[in-house]
Amino acid sequence: MKNMFRAATAAALLAGAAATPAMAQGYSLLSGPTGYKAGDIMTHFSLIGVIPENIDSHITGMPGAKLGITTGVSPELDASYFFTPNLSVQLIAATSRHTITAKGGALGAGGTLGSTWVLPPTLTAQWHFPQIGVVRPYVGVGITVAFFYGTSPSAQLLGTSDKLGLRTAVGPAFDAGFDVPVQGNWSINVDVKQMILPTSARLLHGAVHAQTGLDPTVVGFGVGYKF
């Protein structure tokens, strides 16, 4: 993941370098061409890192014990429809696999509870600012619904016959990123989303409950094509 953040930093520096001449000439956030028009469809195919924050994590009846979900990497496909040159609606589709851990308190160093797949369709309304040099920046806000499936327990902390389940999580999503046209309708995309997703887990046939604020940060790098 360190390499991913280094790449994000490098991309931000390149965007800043490209934007400097335009800013020096007097840039307006409210007027100017965005590079899009009403009716455009923009698609991206990206590689994303899903980095759960695991905020306010705890396990009922086990003081000091915490539930954690590890980082996952997966491909992502999204599509945006432009209602105006500035306003679009985007839907993303991706699924990633994560390991579920528990540690602290009576569990000590803990271990692996199991693994799960998450499918988090996210719908956002995006506002596209006027183009800065070759950079097309945008911000967005919307909602994420995270479905967990393929959840299986690990014999390390749970018996193989025990149940492990995660509740569907729903929460707001915030988005920021930019596209850089490279040739024709093709572009390079950098995107960061912050999702607020509280969820709970059921352990040992429901005898034990755990809660955590997943609140994943999703960092994506990909290519885009405008139809």
C-alpha atoms as a PDB file:
ATOM      1  CA  MET A   1       0.000   0.000   0.000  1.00  0.00           C
ATOM      2  CA  LYS A   2       2.991   2.313   0.516  1.00  0.00           C
ATOM      3  CA  ASN A   3       3.641   2.192  -3.219  1.00  0.00           C
ATOM      4  CA  MET A   4       0.025   3.158  -3.847  1.00  0.00           C
ATOM      5  CA  PHE A   5       0.283   6.226  -1.627  1.00  0.00           C
ATOM      6  CA  ARG A   6       3.586   7.198  -3.229  1.00  0.00           C
ATOM      7  CA  ALA A   7       1.917   6.994  -6.619  1.00  0.00           C
ATOM      8  CA  ALA A   8      -0.959   9.139  -5.340  1.00  0.00           C
ATOM      9  CA  THR A   9       1.514  11.748  -4.104  1.00  0.00           C
ATOM     10  CA  ALA A  10       3.335  11.766  -7.423  1.00  0.00           C
ATOM     11  CA  ALA A  11       0.043  12.139  -9.295  1.00  0.00           C
ATOM     12  CA  ALA A  12      -0.967  15.054  -7.074  1.00  0.00           C
ATOM     13  CA  LEU A  13       2.368  16.775  -7.697  1.00  0.00           C
ATOM     14  CA  LEU A  14       1.990  16.327 -11.457  1.00  0.00           C
ATOM     15  CA  ALA A  15      -1.538  17.731 -11.294  1.00  0.00           C
ATOM     16  CA  GLY A  16      -0.282  20.703  -9.320  1.00  0.00           C
ATOM     17  CA  ALA A  17       2.493  21.362 -11.819  1.00  0.00           C
ATOM     18  CA  ALA A  18       0.025  21.255 -14.691  1.00  0.00           C
ATOM     19  CA  ALA A  19      -2.397  23.541 -12.866  1.00  0.00           C
ATOM     20  CA  THR A  20       0.101  26.268 -11.912  1.00  0.00           C
ATOM     21  CA  PRO A  21       0.077  28.182 -15.240  1.00  0.00           C
ATOM     22  CA  ALA A  22      -3.729  28.236 -15.335  1.00  0.00           C
ATOM     23  CA  MET A  23      -3.985  29.402 -11.730  1.00  0.00           C
ATOM     24  CA  ALA A  24      -1.461  32.152 -12.398  1.00  0.00           C
ATOM     25  CA  GLN A  25      -3.662  33.438 -15.221  1.00  0.00           C
ATOM     26  CA  GLY A  26      -6.720  33.653 -12.961  1.00  0.00           C
ATOM     27  CA  TYR A  27      -8.770  30.476 -12.516  1.00  0.00           C
ATOM     28  CA  SER A  28     -12.467  30.446 -11.655  1.00  0.00           C
ATOM     29  CA  LEU A  29     -14.219  27.531  -9.941  1.00  0.00           C
ATOM     30  CA  LEU A  30     -17.572  28.704 -11.272  1.00  0.00           C
ATOM     31  CA  SER A  31     -17.014  29.260 -14.978  1.00  0.00           C
ATOM     32  CA  GLY A  32     -15.030  27.781 -17.806  1.00  0.00           C
ATOM     33  CA  PRO A  33     -15.015  24.581 -19.886  1.00  0.00           C
ATOM     34  CA  THR A  34     -14.910  21.260 -18.032  1.00  0.00           C
ATOM     35  CA  GLY A  35     -14.133  19.126 -21.062  1.00  0.00           C
ATOM     36  CA  TYR A  36     -17.583  17.498 -20.923  1.00  0.00           C
ATOM     37  CA  LYS A  37     -21.063  18.214 -22.239  1.00  0.00           C
ATOM     38  CA  ALA A  38     -24.587  17.096 -21.377  1.00  0.00           C
ATOM     39  CA  GLY A  39     -25.195  13.516 -22.513  1.00  0.00           C
ATOM     40  CA  ASP A  40     -21.560  12.389 -22.220  1.00  0.00           C
ATOM     41  CA  ILE A  41     -20.854   9.012 -20.627  1.00  0.00           C
ATOM     42  CA  MET A  42     -17.533   8.517 -18.871  1.00  0.00           C
ATOM     43  CA  THR A  43     -16.292   5.081 -17.852  1.00  0.00           C
ATOM     44  CA  HIS A  44     -13.248   4.081 -15.822  1.00  0.00           C
ATOM     45  CA  PHE A  45     -11.500   0.774 -15.277  1.00  0.00           C
ATOM     46  CA  SER A  46      -9.313   1.050 -12.188  1.00  0.00           C
ATOM     47  CA  LEU A  47      -7.268  -0.837  -9.645  1.00  0.00           C
ATOM     48  CA  ILE A  48      -8.399   0.128  -6.156  1.00  0.00           C
ATOM     49  CA  GLY A  49      -7.083  -0.309  -2.636  1.00  0.00           C
ATOM     50  CA  VAL A  50      -9.845  -0.653  -0.020  1.00  0.00           C
ATOM     51  CA  ILE A  51      -8.377   0.423   3.330  1.00  0.00           C
ATOM     52  CA  PRO A  52     -10.768  -0.074   6.300  1.00  0.00           C
ATOM     53  CA  GLU A  53     -10.209   2.300   9.222  1.00  0.00           C
ATOM     54  CA  ASN A  54     -11.875  -0.029  11.814  1.00  0.00           C
ATOM     55  CA  ILE A  55     -12.964   2.908  13.986  1.00  0.00           C
ATOM     56  CA  ASP A  56     -14.566   2.363  17.429  1.00  0.00           C
ATOM     57  CA  SER A  57     -14.163  -1.397  17.157  1.00  0.00           C
ATOM     58  CA  HIS A  58     -15.194  -3.614  20.085  1.00  0.00           C
ATOM     59  CA  ILE A  59     -16.450  -7.096  20.928  1.00  0.00           C
ATOM     60  CA  THR A  60     -19.336  -7.437  23.385  1.00  0.00           C
ATOM     61  CA  GLY A  61     -18.315  -9.069  26.653  1.00  0.00           C
ATOM     62  CA  MET A  62     -14.590  -8.886  25.875  1.00  0.00           C
ATOM     63  CA  PRO A  63     -13.154  -5.609  27.222  1.00  0.00           C
ATOM     64  CA  GLY A  64     -10.225  -4.387  25.154  1.00  0.00           C
ATOM     65  CA  ALA A  65     -10.871  -6.813  22.310  1.00  0.00           C
ATOM     66  CA  LYS A  66     -11.238  -5.365  18.821  1.00  0.00           C
ATOM     67  CA  LEU A  67     -12.537  -6.570  15.485  1.00  0.00           C
ATOM     68  CA  GLY A  68     -10.523  -5.701  12.396  1.00  0.00           C
ATOM     69  CA  ILE A  69     -10.884  -6.096   8.649  1.00  0.00           C
ATOM     70  CA  THR A  70      -7.757  -6.019   6.506  1.00  0.00           C
ATOM     71  CA  THR A  71      -6.983  -4.029   3.356  1.00  0.00           C
ATOM     72  CA  GLY A  72      -8.140  -5.460   0.037  1.00  0.00           C
ATOM     73  CA  VAL A  73      -7.164  -4.801  -3.583  1.00  0.00           C
ATOM     74  CA  SER A  74      -9.468  -5.326  -6.551  1.00  0.00           C
ATOM     75  CA  PRO A  75     -10.470  -4.043  -9.986  1.00  0.00           C
ATOM     76  CA  GLU A  76     -13.283  -1.506 -10.240  1.00  0.00           C
ATOM     77  CA  LEU A  77     -15.584  -0.468 -13.053  1.00  0.00           C
ATOM     78  CA  ASP A  78     -17.603   2.741 -12.973  1.00  0.00           C
ATOM     79  CA  ALA A  79     -19.808   4.759 -15.295  1.00  0.00           C
ATOM     80  CA  SER A  80     -20.874   8.410 -15.122  1.00  0.00           C
ATOM     81  CA  TYR A  81     -23.681  10.161 -16.991  1.00  0.00           C
ATOM     82  CA  PHE A  82     -23.449  13.935 -17.462  1.00  0.00           C
ATOM     83  CA  PHE A  83     -26.655  15.945 -17.064  1.00  0.00           C
ATOM     84  CA  THR A  84     -24.730  19.186 -17.620  1.00  0.00           C
ATOM     85  CA  PRO A  85     -21.047  19.953 -18.312  1.00  0.00           C
ATOM     86  CA  ASN A  86     -20.573  20.204 -14.524  1.00  0.00           C
ATOM     87  CA  LEU A  87     -22.996  17.690 -13.021  1.00  0.00           C
ATOM     88  CA  SER A  88     -22.837  13.920 -13.404  1.00  0.00           C
ATOM     89  CA  VAL A  89     -24.033  10.832 -11.557  1.00  0.00           C
ATOM     90  CA  GLN A  90     -21.632   7.924 -11.124  1.00  0.00           C
ATOM     91  CA  LEU A  91     -22.226   4.275 -10.217  1.00  0.00           C
ATOM     92  CA  ILE A  92     -19.323   2.014  -9.280  1.00  0.00           C
ATOM     93  CA  ALA A  93     -19.088  -1.772  -9.214  1.00  0.00           C
ATOM     94  CA  ALA A  94     -16.295  -3.622  -7.433  1.00  0.00           C
ATOM     95  CA  THR A  95     -15.793  -6.511  -5.050  1.00  0.00           C
ATOM     96  CA  SER A  96     -12.845  -7.254  -2.773  1.00  0.00           C
ATOM     97  CA  ARG A  97     -11.813  -9.992  -0.351  1.00  0.00           C
ATOM     98  CA  HIS A  98     -10.803  -9.228   3.239  1.00  0.00           C
ATOM     99  CA  THR A  99      -9.531 -11.129   6.271  1.00  0.00           C
ATOM    100  CA  ILE A 100     -11.399 -10.615   9.571  1.00  0.00           C
ATOM    101  CA  THR A 101      -9.242 -10.492  12.700  1.00  0.00           C
ATOM    102  CA  ALA A 102      -9.755 -10.142  16.447  1.00  0.00           C
ATOM    103  CA  LYS A 103      -7.210  -9.168  19.091  1.00  0.00           C
ATOM    104  CA  GLY A 104      -6.735  -7.396  22.413  1.00  0.00           C
ATOM    105  CA  GLY A 105      -8.148  -7.965  25.872  1.00  0.00           C
ATOM    106  CA  ALA A 106      -8.507 -11.646  26.771  1.00  0.00           C
ATOM    107  CA  LEU A 107      -7.652 -12.526  23.150  1.00  0.00           C
ATOM    108  CA  GLY A 108      -4.112 -11.137  23.456  1.00  0.00           C
ATOM    109  CA  ALA A 109      -2.411 -11.218  20.073  1.00  0.00           C
ATOM    110  CA  GLY A 110      -5.596 -12.783  18.730  1.00  0.00           C
ATOM    111  CA  GLY A 111      -5.747 -14.173  15.246  1.00  0.00           C
ATOM    112  CA  THR A 112      -7.940 -14.707  12.213  1.00  0.00           C
ATOM    113  CA  LEU A 113     -11.698 -15.083  12.592  1.00  0.00           C
ATOM    114  CA  GLY A 114     -12.304 -15.754   8.935  1.00  0.00           C
ATOM    115  CA  SER A 115     -12.622 -14.066   5.576  1.00  0.00           C
ATOM    116  CA  THR A 116     -15.324 -12.340   3.584  1.00  0.00           C
ATOM    117  CA  TRP A 117     -16.069 -10.706   0.252  1.00  0.00           C
ATOM    118  CA  VAL A 118     -17.670  -7.273   0.134  1.00  0.00           C
ATOM    119  CA  LEU A 119     -19.742  -5.831  -2.715  1.00  0.00           C
ATOM    120  CA  PRO A 120     -20.163  -2.063  -2.129  1.00  0.00           C
ATOM    121  CA  PRO A 121     -22.196  -0.468  -4.947  1.00  0.00           C
ATOM    122  CA  THR A 122     -21.810   3.305  -4.586  1.00  0.00           C
ATOM    123  CA  LEU A 123     -23.894   6.020  -6.224  1.00  0.00           C
ATOM    124  CA  THR A 124     -22.520   9.571  -6.166  1.00  0.00           C
ATOM    125  CA  ALA A 125     -23.470  12.933  -7.600  1.00  0.00           C
ATOM    126  CA  GLN A 126     -20.302  14.584  -8.895  1.00  0.00           C
ATOM    127  CA  TRP A 127     -19.487  18.216  -9.585  1.00  0.00           C
ATOM    128  CA  HIS A 128     -16.838  18.776 -12.260  1.00  0.00           C
ATOM    129  CA  PHE A 129     -14.857  21.988 -11.993  1.00  0.00           C
ATOM    130  CA  PRO A 130     -13.542  23.893 -15.017  1.00  0.00           C
ATOM    131  CA  GLN A 131     -10.432  22.281 -16.420  1.00  0.00           C
ATOM    132  CA  ILE A 132      -7.094  23.379 -14.891  1.00  0.00           C
ATOM    133  CA  GLY A 133      -4.439  23.028 -17.574  1.00  0.00           C
ATOM    134  CA  VAL A 134      -4.792  19.388 -18.626  1.00  0.00           C
ATOM    135  CA  VAL A 135      -6.428  18.353 -15.331  1.00  0.00           C
ATOM    136  CA  ARG A 136     -10.197  17.842 -14.956  1.00  0.00           C
ATOM    137  CA  PRO A 137     -10.958  17.828 -11.192  1.00  0.00           C
ATOM    138  CA  TYR A 138     -14.197  16.789  -9.514  1.00  0.00           C
ATOM    139  CA  VAL A 139     -15.776  16.158  -6.112  1.00  0.00           C
ATOM    140  CA  GLY A 140     -18.784  14.071  -5.218  1.00  0.00           C
ATOM    141  CA  VAL A 141     -21.119  12.894  -2.482  1.00  0.00           C
ATOM    142  CA  GLY A 142     -23.438   9.912  -2.380  1.00  0.00           C
ATOM    143  CA  ILE A 143     -24.302   6.649  -0.666  1.00  0.00           C
ATOM    144  CA  THR A 144     -22.732   3.208  -0.342  1.00  0.00           C
ATOM    145  CA  VAL A 145     -24.476  -0.077   0.439  1.00  0.00           C
ATOM    146  CA  ALA A 146     -21.944  -2.773   1.387  1.00  0.00           C
ATOM    147  CA  PHE A 147     -23.078  -6.399   1.042  1.00  0.00           C
ATOM    148  CA  PHE A 148     -20.945  -9.143   2.585  1.00  0.00           C
ATOM    149  CA  TYR A 149     -20.938 -12.608   1.032  1.00  0.00           C
ATOM    150  CA  GLY A 150     -18.806 -15.729   0.896  1.00  0.00           C
ATOM    151  CA  THR A 151     -18.047 -15.285   4.593  1.00  0.00           C
ATOM    152  CA  SER A 152     -16.249 -18.274   6.100  1.00  0.00           C
ATOM    153  CA  PRO A 153     -14.867 -18.874   9.625  1.00  0.00           C
ATOM    154  CA  SER A 154     -11.285 -19.770  10.446  1.00  0.00           C
ATOM    155  CA  ALA A 155     -10.378 -22.637  12.763  1.00  0.00           C
ATOM    156  CA  GLN A 156      -7.679 -20.438  14.355  1.00  0.00           C
ATOM    157  CA  LEU A 157     -10.142 -18.714  16.694  1.00  0.00           C
ATOM    158  CA  LEU A 158     -13.433 -20.361  15.750  1.00  0.00           C
ATOM    159  CA  GLY A 159     -14.437 -23.948  15.209  1.00  0.00           C
ATOM    160  CA  THR A 160     -15.121 -24.759  11.566  1.00  0.00           C
ATOM    161  CA  SER A 161     -18.753 -25.497  12.446  1.00  0.00           C
ATOM    162  CA  ASP A 162     -19.293 -22.064  14.009  1.00  0.00           C
ATOM    163  CA  LYS A 163     -21.092 -19.282  12.208  1.00  0.00           C
ATOM    164  CA  LEU A 164     -19.573 -15.954  11.241  1.00  0.00           C
ATOM    165  CA  GLY A 165     -21.724 -13.270   9.684  1.00  0.00           C
ATOM    166  CA  LEU A 166     -21.472  -9.551   8.875  1.00  0.00           C
ATOM    167  CA  ARG A 167     -24.439  -7.197   8.675  1.00  0.00           C
ATOM    168  CA  THR A 168     -25.035  -5.189   5.493  1.00  0.00           C
ATOM    169  CA  ALA A 169     -23.633  -1.675   5.975  1.00  0.00           C
ATOM    170  CA  VAL A 170     -25.158   1.548   4.614  1.00  0.00           C
ATOM    171  CA  GLY A 171     -23.628   5.006   4.825  1.00  0.00           C
ATOM    172  CA  PRO A 172     -22.548   8.192   3.033  1.00  0.00           C
ATOM    173  CA  ALA A 173     -19.643   8.346   0.610  1.00  0.00           C
ATOM    174  CA  PHE A 174     -17.440  11.308  -0.314  1.00  0.00           C
ATOM    175  CA  ASP A 175     -15.373  11.479  -3.463  1.00  0.00           C
ATOM    176  CA  ALA A 176     -12.571  13.557  -4.999  1.00  0.00           C
ATOM    177  CA  GLY A 177     -10.401  12.977  -8.030  1.00  0.00           C
ATOM    178  CA  PHE A 178      -9.315  14.097 -11.452  1.00  0.00           C
ATOM    179  CA  ASP A 179      -8.987  12.934 -15.044  1.00  0.00           C
ATOM    180  CA  VAL A 180      -6.092  13.790 -17.364  1.00  0.00           C
ATOM    181  CA  PRO A 181      -6.840  13.361 -21.104  1.00  0.00           C
ATOM    182  CA  VAL A 182      -4.040  11.512 -22.911  1.00  0.00           C
ATOM    183  CA  GLN A 183      -5.246  10.739 -26.436  1.00  0.00           C
ATOM    184  CA  GLY A 184      -8.612  11.014 -28.171  1.00  0.00           C
ATOM    185  CA  ASN A 185     -11.322  10.022 -25.715  1.00  0.00           C
ATOM    186  CA  TRP A 186      -8.885   8.232 -23.409  1.00  0.00           C
ATOM    187  CA  SER A 187      -7.743   9.582 -20.046  1.00  0.00           C
ATOM    188  CA  ILE A 188      -5.920   8.657 -16.838  1.00  0.00           C
ATOM    189  CA  ASN A 189      -7.883   8.825 -13.594  1.00  0.00           C
ATOM    190  CA  VAL A 190      -6.953   9.223  -9.917  1.00  0.00           C
ATOM    191  CA  ASP A 191      -9.792   8.915  -7.402  1.00  0.00           C
ATOM    192  CA  VAL A 192     -10.160   8.807  -3.609  1.00  0.00           C
ATOM    193  CA  LYS A 193     -13.379   7.915  -1.813  1.00  0.00           C
ATOM    194  CA  GLN A 194     -14.145   7.993   1.900  1.00  0.00           C
ATOM    195  CA  MET A 195     -17.061   5.829   3.014  1.00  0.00           C
ATOM    196  CA  ILE A 196     -18.744   5.827   6.432  1.00  0.00           C
ATOM    197  CA  LEU A 197     -19.829   2.219   7.020  1.00  0.00           C
ATOM    198  CA  PRO A 198     -20.621   0.908  10.514  1.00  0.00           C
ATOM    199  CA  THR A 199     -21.247  -2.830  10.655  1.00  0.00           C
ATOM    200  CA  SER A 200     -21.562  -5.667  13.164  1.00  0.00           C
ATOM    201  CA  ALA A 201     -20.463  -9.297  13.188  1.00  0.00           C
ATOM    202  CA  ARG A 202     -22.100 -12.334  14.762  1.00  0.00           C
ATOM    203  CA  LEU A 203     -19.773 -14.935  16.254  1.00  0.00           C
ATOM    204  CA  LEU A 204     -20.302 -18.383  17.751  1.00  0.00           C
ATOM    205  CA  HIS A 205     -23.837 -18.839  16.406  1.00  0.00           C
ATOM    206  CA  GLY A 206     -24.813 -15.342  17.551  1.00  0.00           C
ATOM    207  CA  ALA A 207     -23.594 -15.774  21.132  1.00  0.00           C
ATOM    208  CA  VAL A 208     -21.039 -12.997  20.666  1.00  0.00           C
ATOM    209  CA  HIS A 209     -21.476  -9.725  18.789  1.00  0.00           C
ATOM    210  CA  ALA A 210     -18.780  -7.385  17.525  1.00  0.00           C
ATOM    211  CA  GLN A 211     -18.999  -3.921  16.021  1.00  0.00           C
ATOM    212  CA  THR A 212     -16.636  -1.819  13.981  1.00  0.00           C
ATOM    213  CA  GLY A 213     -16.687   1.328  11.883  1.00  0.00           C
ATOM    214  CA  LEU A 214     -15.194   0.070   8.636  1.00  0.00           C
ATOM    215  CA  ASP A 215     -15.080   3.603   7.192  1.00  0.00           C
ATOM    216  CA  PRO A 216     -12.858   2.489   4.305  1.00  0.00           C
ATOM    217  CA  THR A 217     -10.700   4.841   2.292  1.00  0.00           C
ATOM    218  CA  VAL A 218     -10.731   3.695  -1.337  1.00  0.00           C
ATOM    219  CA  VAL A 219      -7.824   4.829  -3.502  1.00  0.00           C
ATOM    220  CA  GLY A 220      -8.072   4.140  -7.232  1.00  0.00           C
ATOM    221  CA  PHE A 221      -5.858   4.526 -10.311  1.00  0.00           C
ATOM    222  CA  GLY A 222      -7.157   3.705 -13.759  1.00  0.00           C
ATOM    223  CA  VAL A 223      -7.931   4.565 -17.336  1.00  0.00           C
ATOM    224  CA  GLY A 224     -11.057   6.250 -18.609  1.00  0.00           C
ATOM    225  CA  TYR A 225     -12.944   6.440 -21.878  1.00  0.00           C
ATOM    226  CA  LYS A 226     -15.554   9.063 -22.798  1.00  0.00           C
ATOM    227  CA  PHE A 227     -18.449   8.092 -25.070  1.00  0.00           C
END
